[in-house]
Amino acid sequence: MDDEAAPETVGVAQVFDLHALKGFAPDRRVRKMLFKTDQLWSEIACYEPGQSTVMHQHPRRGGGDLRPARDART
């Protein structure tokens, strides 16, 4: 995976220019780490047309579930 991205700090938020960070490779997906802490991380995965990731599951640690709020709007 590439090095972590350098965000711009606006107030208390970190803003990433995803267009500047994106990257592609003809033979594999490209993963770019946005940030990583002890409890949370975020990355983008960039795919060329026709590329995919094999369906898989991650082991559960700590027993928590993520569920959308009942009144979540998309």
N, C-alpha and C. Protein backbone atom coordinates (compact mmCIF):
# COMPACT_ATOMS: atom_id res chain seq x y z
N MET A 1 0.84 -1.17 0.00
CA MET A 1 0.00 0.00 0.00
C MET A 1 0.89 1.23 0.00
N ASP A 2 0.42 2.26 -0.67
CA ASP A 2 1.20 3.50 -0.73
C ASP A 2 1.24 4.18 0.63
N ASP A 3 2.11 5.17 0.75
CA ASP A 3 2.20 5.95 1.99
C ASP A 3 0.89 6.65 2.28
N GLU A 4 0.75 7.08 3.52
CA GLU A 4 -0.44 7.82 3.90
C GLU A 4 -0.53 9.12 3.12
N ALA A 5 -1.76 9.52 2.85
CA ALA A 5 -2.01 10.77 2.14
C ALA A 5 -1.85 11.95 3.08
N ALA A 6 -1.51 13.08 2.53
CA ALA A 6 -1.36 14.30 3.33
C ALA A 6 -2.61 15.15 3.17
N PRO A 7 -3.45 15.21 4.23
CA PRO A 7 -4.67 16.00 4.12
C PRO A 7 -4.42 17.48 4.38
N GLU A 8 -5.35 18.28 3.93
CA GLU A 8 -5.38 19.70 4.29
C GLU A 8 -6.26 19.80 5.53
N THR A 9 -5.84 20.54 6.53
CA THR A 9 -6.65 20.70 7.73
C THR A 9 -7.48 21.97 7.61
N VAL A 10 -8.80 21.81 7.75
CA VAL A 10 -9.73 22.93 7.68
C VAL A 10 -10.52 22.91 8.99
N GLY A 11 -10.20 23.83 9.89
CA GLY A 11 -10.80 23.79 11.23
C GLY A 11 -10.34 22.53 11.93
N VAL A 12 -11.28 21.68 12.33
CA VAL A 12 -10.93 20.43 12.97
C VAL A 12 -11.01 19.25 12.01
N ALA A 13 -11.43 19.49 10.78
CA ALA A 13 -11.59 18.43 9.78
C ALA A 13 -10.34 18.28 8.93
N GLN A 14 -10.10 17.05 8.49
CA GLN A 14 -9.05 16.79 7.51
C GLN A 14 -9.73 16.59 6.16
N VAL A 15 -9.28 17.31 5.15
CA VAL A 15 -9.89 17.27 3.83
C VAL A 15 -8.87 16.66 2.86
N PHE A 16 -9.31 15.61 2.16
CA PHE A 16 -8.44 14.93 1.20
C PHE A 16 -8.91 15.22 -0.22
N ASP A 17 -7.98 15.48 -1.10
CA ASP A 17 -8.29 15.65 -2.52
C ASP A 17 -8.20 14.26 -3.17
N LEU A 18 -9.32 13.56 -3.24
CA LEU A 18 -9.32 12.19 -3.74
C LEU A 18 -8.91 12.11 -5.20
N HIS A 19 -9.23 13.13 -5.99
CA HIS A 19 -8.80 13.12 -7.39
C HIS A 19 -7.28 13.15 -7.50
N ALA A 20 -6.63 13.88 -6.62
CA ALA A 20 -5.16 13.93 -6.64
C ALA A 20 -4.55 12.64 -6.11
N LEU A 21 -5.26 11.95 -5.22
CA LEU A 21 -4.72 10.74 -4.60
C LEU A 21 -4.95 9.48 -5.42
N LYS A 22 -5.96 9.49 -6.28
CA LYS A 22 -6.30 8.26 -6.99
C LYS A 22 -5.13 7.77 -7.82
N GLY A 23 -5.09 6.46 -7.99
CA GLY A 23 -4.05 5.84 -8.81
C GLY A 23 -4.56 4.52 -9.33
N PHE A 24 -4.11 4.12 -10.49
CA PHE A 24 -4.61 2.91 -11.12
C PHE A 24 -3.45 2.08 -11.66
N ALA A 25 -3.67 0.77 -11.74
CA ALA A 25 -2.69 -0.15 -12.32
C ALA A 25 -3.46 -1.16 -13.16
N PRO A 26 -2.94 -1.53 -14.31
CA PRO A 26 -3.68 -2.43 -15.20
C PRO A 26 -3.81 -3.85 -14.65
N ASP A 27 -2.95 -4.27 -13.73
CA ASP A 27 -2.93 -5.65 -13.26
C ASP A 27 -3.45 -5.86 -11.84
N ARG A 28 -3.82 -4.78 -11.14
CA ARG A 28 -4.27 -4.93 -9.75
C ARG A 28 -4.93 -3.64 -9.29
N ARG A 29 -5.68 -3.75 -8.18
CA ARG A 29 -6.25 -2.54 -7.58
C ARG A 29 -5.12 -1.76 -6.91
N VAL A 30 -5.34 -0.49 -6.73
CA VAL A 30 -4.38 0.36 -6.02
C VAL A 30 -5.06 0.85 -4.75
N ARG A 31 -4.44 0.61 -3.61
CA ARG A 31 -4.97 1.04 -2.32
C ARG A 31 -4.15 2.21 -1.80
N LYS A 32 -4.86 3.24 -1.33
CA LYS A 32 -4.20 4.43 -0.79
C LYS A 32 -4.74 4.67 0.62
N MET A 33 -3.86 4.66 1.60
CA MET A 33 -4.23 4.92 2.98
C MET A 33 -4.48 6.40 3.18
N LEU A 34 -5.65 6.75 3.72
CA LEU A 34 -5.94 8.14 4.03
C LEU A 34 -5.46 8.48 5.43
N PHE A 35 -5.85 7.66 6.41
CA PHE A 35 -5.34 7.85 7.77
C PHE A 35 -5.49 6.55 8.54
N LYS A 36 -4.77 6.45 9.65
CA LYS A 36 -4.83 5.27 10.50
C LYS A 36 -4.55 5.69 11.93
N THR A 37 -5.43 5.25 12.84
CA THR A 37 -5.23 5.46 14.27
C THR A 37 -5.29 4.10 14.94
N ASP A 38 -5.20 4.07 16.26
CA ASP A 38 -5.31 2.81 16.98
C ASP A 38 -6.68 2.16 16.81
N GLN A 39 -7.72 2.97 16.58
CA GLN A 39 -9.07 2.44 16.55
C GLN A 39 -9.77 2.55 15.20
N LEU A 40 -9.21 3.30 14.27
CA LEU A 40 -9.90 3.55 13.01
C LEU A 40 -8.90 3.79 11.89
N TRP A 41 -9.26 3.35 10.69
CA TRP A 41 -8.45 3.67 9.52
C TRP A 41 -9.38 3.85 8.33
N SER A 42 -8.85 4.53 7.33
CA SER A 42 -9.62 4.74 6.11
C SER A 42 -8.67 4.72 4.92
N GLU A 43 -9.14 4.11 3.84
CA GLU A 43 -8.35 4.06 2.63
C GLU A 43 -9.29 4.13 1.44
N ILE A 44 -8.73 4.40 0.29
CA ILE A 44 -9.50 4.28 -0.95
C ILE A 44 -8.90 3.14 -1.75
N ALA A 45 -9.74 2.45 -2.48
CA ALA A 45 -9.30 1.38 -3.37
C ALA A 45 -9.71 1.79 -4.78
N CYS A 46 -8.74 1.82 -5.68
CA CYS A 46 -8.98 2.27 -7.05
C CYS A 46 -8.90 1.08 -7.99
N TYR A 47 -9.94 0.92 -8.80
CA TYR A 47 -10.04 -0.21 -9.72
C TYR A 47 -10.14 0.28 -11.17
N GLU A 48 -9.47 -0.41 -12.05
CA GLU A 48 -9.67 -0.22 -13.48
C GLU A 48 -10.96 -0.95 -13.86
N PRO A 49 -11.61 -0.58 -14.98
CA PRO A 49 -12.79 -1.32 -15.41
C PRO A 49 -12.48 -2.82 -15.53
N GLY A 50 -13.37 -3.64 -14.97
CA GLY A 50 -13.19 -5.10 -15.03
C GLY A 50 -12.45 -5.69 -13.85
N GLN A 51 -11.77 -4.89 -13.05
CA GLN A 51 -11.07 -5.41 -11.87
C GLN A 51 -12.07 -5.58 -10.73
N SER A 52 -11.75 -6.47 -9.81
CA SER A 52 -12.62 -6.69 -8.66
C SER A 52 -11.81 -7.28 -7.51
N THR A 53 -12.44 -7.35 -6.37
CA THR A 53 -11.87 -8.01 -5.20
C THR A 53 -12.72 -9.23 -4.92
N VAL A 54 -12.10 -10.34 -4.64
CA VAL A 54 -12.80 -11.57 -4.33
C VAL A 54 -13.61 -11.35 -3.04
N MET A 55 -14.87 -11.84 -3.03
CA MET A 55 -15.71 -11.74 -1.85
C MET A 55 -15.00 -12.42 -0.68
N HIS A 56 -15.00 -11.74 0.46
CA HIS A 56 -14.31 -12.27 1.63
C HIS A 56 -14.93 -11.70 2.90
N GLN A 57 -14.56 -12.24 4.05
CA GLN A 57 -15.03 -11.74 5.33
C GLN A 57 -13.84 -11.44 6.21
N HIS A 58 -14.02 -10.49 7.10
CA HIS A 58 -12.99 -10.13 8.06
C HIS A 58 -13.38 -10.68 9.42
N PRO A 59 -12.41 -11.14 10.19
CA PRO A 59 -12.75 -11.64 11.53
C PRO A 59 -13.28 -10.51 12.41
N ARG A 60 -14.25 -10.84 13.23
CA ARG A 60 -14.80 -9.84 14.15
C ARG A 60 -13.92 -9.75 15.38
N ARG A 61 -13.60 -8.54 15.75
CA ARG A 61 -12.82 -8.31 16.97
C ARG A 61 -13.63 -7.39 17.88
N GLY A 62 -13.81 -7.77 19.12
CA GLY A 62 -14.49 -6.92 20.07
C GLY A 62 -16.00 -7.07 20.09
N GLY A 63 -16.57 -7.80 19.16
CA GLY A 63 -17.98 -8.12 19.20
C GLY A 63 -18.94 -7.02 18.78
N GLY A 64 -18.49 -5.92 18.22
CA GLY A 64 -19.39 -4.84 17.82
C GLY A 64 -19.90 -5.02 16.41
N ASP A 65 -21.06 -4.44 16.14
CA ASP A 65 -21.63 -4.43 14.80
C ASP A 65 -21.87 -2.99 14.37
N LEU A 66 -21.69 -2.72 13.10
CA LEU A 66 -22.04 -1.42 12.54
C LEU A 66 -23.39 -1.55 11.87
N ARG A 67 -24.32 -0.70 12.26
CA ARG A 67 -25.65 -0.72 11.67
C ARG A 67 -26.07 0.71 11.37
N PRO A 68 -26.76 0.91 10.24
CA PRO A 68 -27.21 2.28 9.94
C PRO A 68 -28.28 2.72 10.93
N ALA A 69 -28.34 4.01 11.17
CA ALA A 69 -29.39 4.55 12.02
C ALA A 69 -30.75 4.33 11.35
N ARG A 70 -31.78 4.20 12.14
CA ARG A 70 -33.12 3.93 11.58
C ARG A 70 -33.59 5.07 10.68
N ASP A 71 -33.20 6.28 10.99
CA ASP A 71 -33.65 7.41 10.19
C ASP A 71 -32.56 7.90 9.24
N ALA A 72 -31.57 7.04 8.96
CA ALA A 72 -30.48 7.45 8.06
C ALA A 72 -31.05 7.74 6.67
N ARG A 73 -30.54 8.78 6.09
CA ARG A 73 -30.97 9.16 4.74
C ARG A 73 -29.79 9.08 3.79
N THR A 74 -30.04 8.60 2.60
CA THR A 74 -28.96 8.49 1.62
C THR A 74 -29.17 9.50 0.51
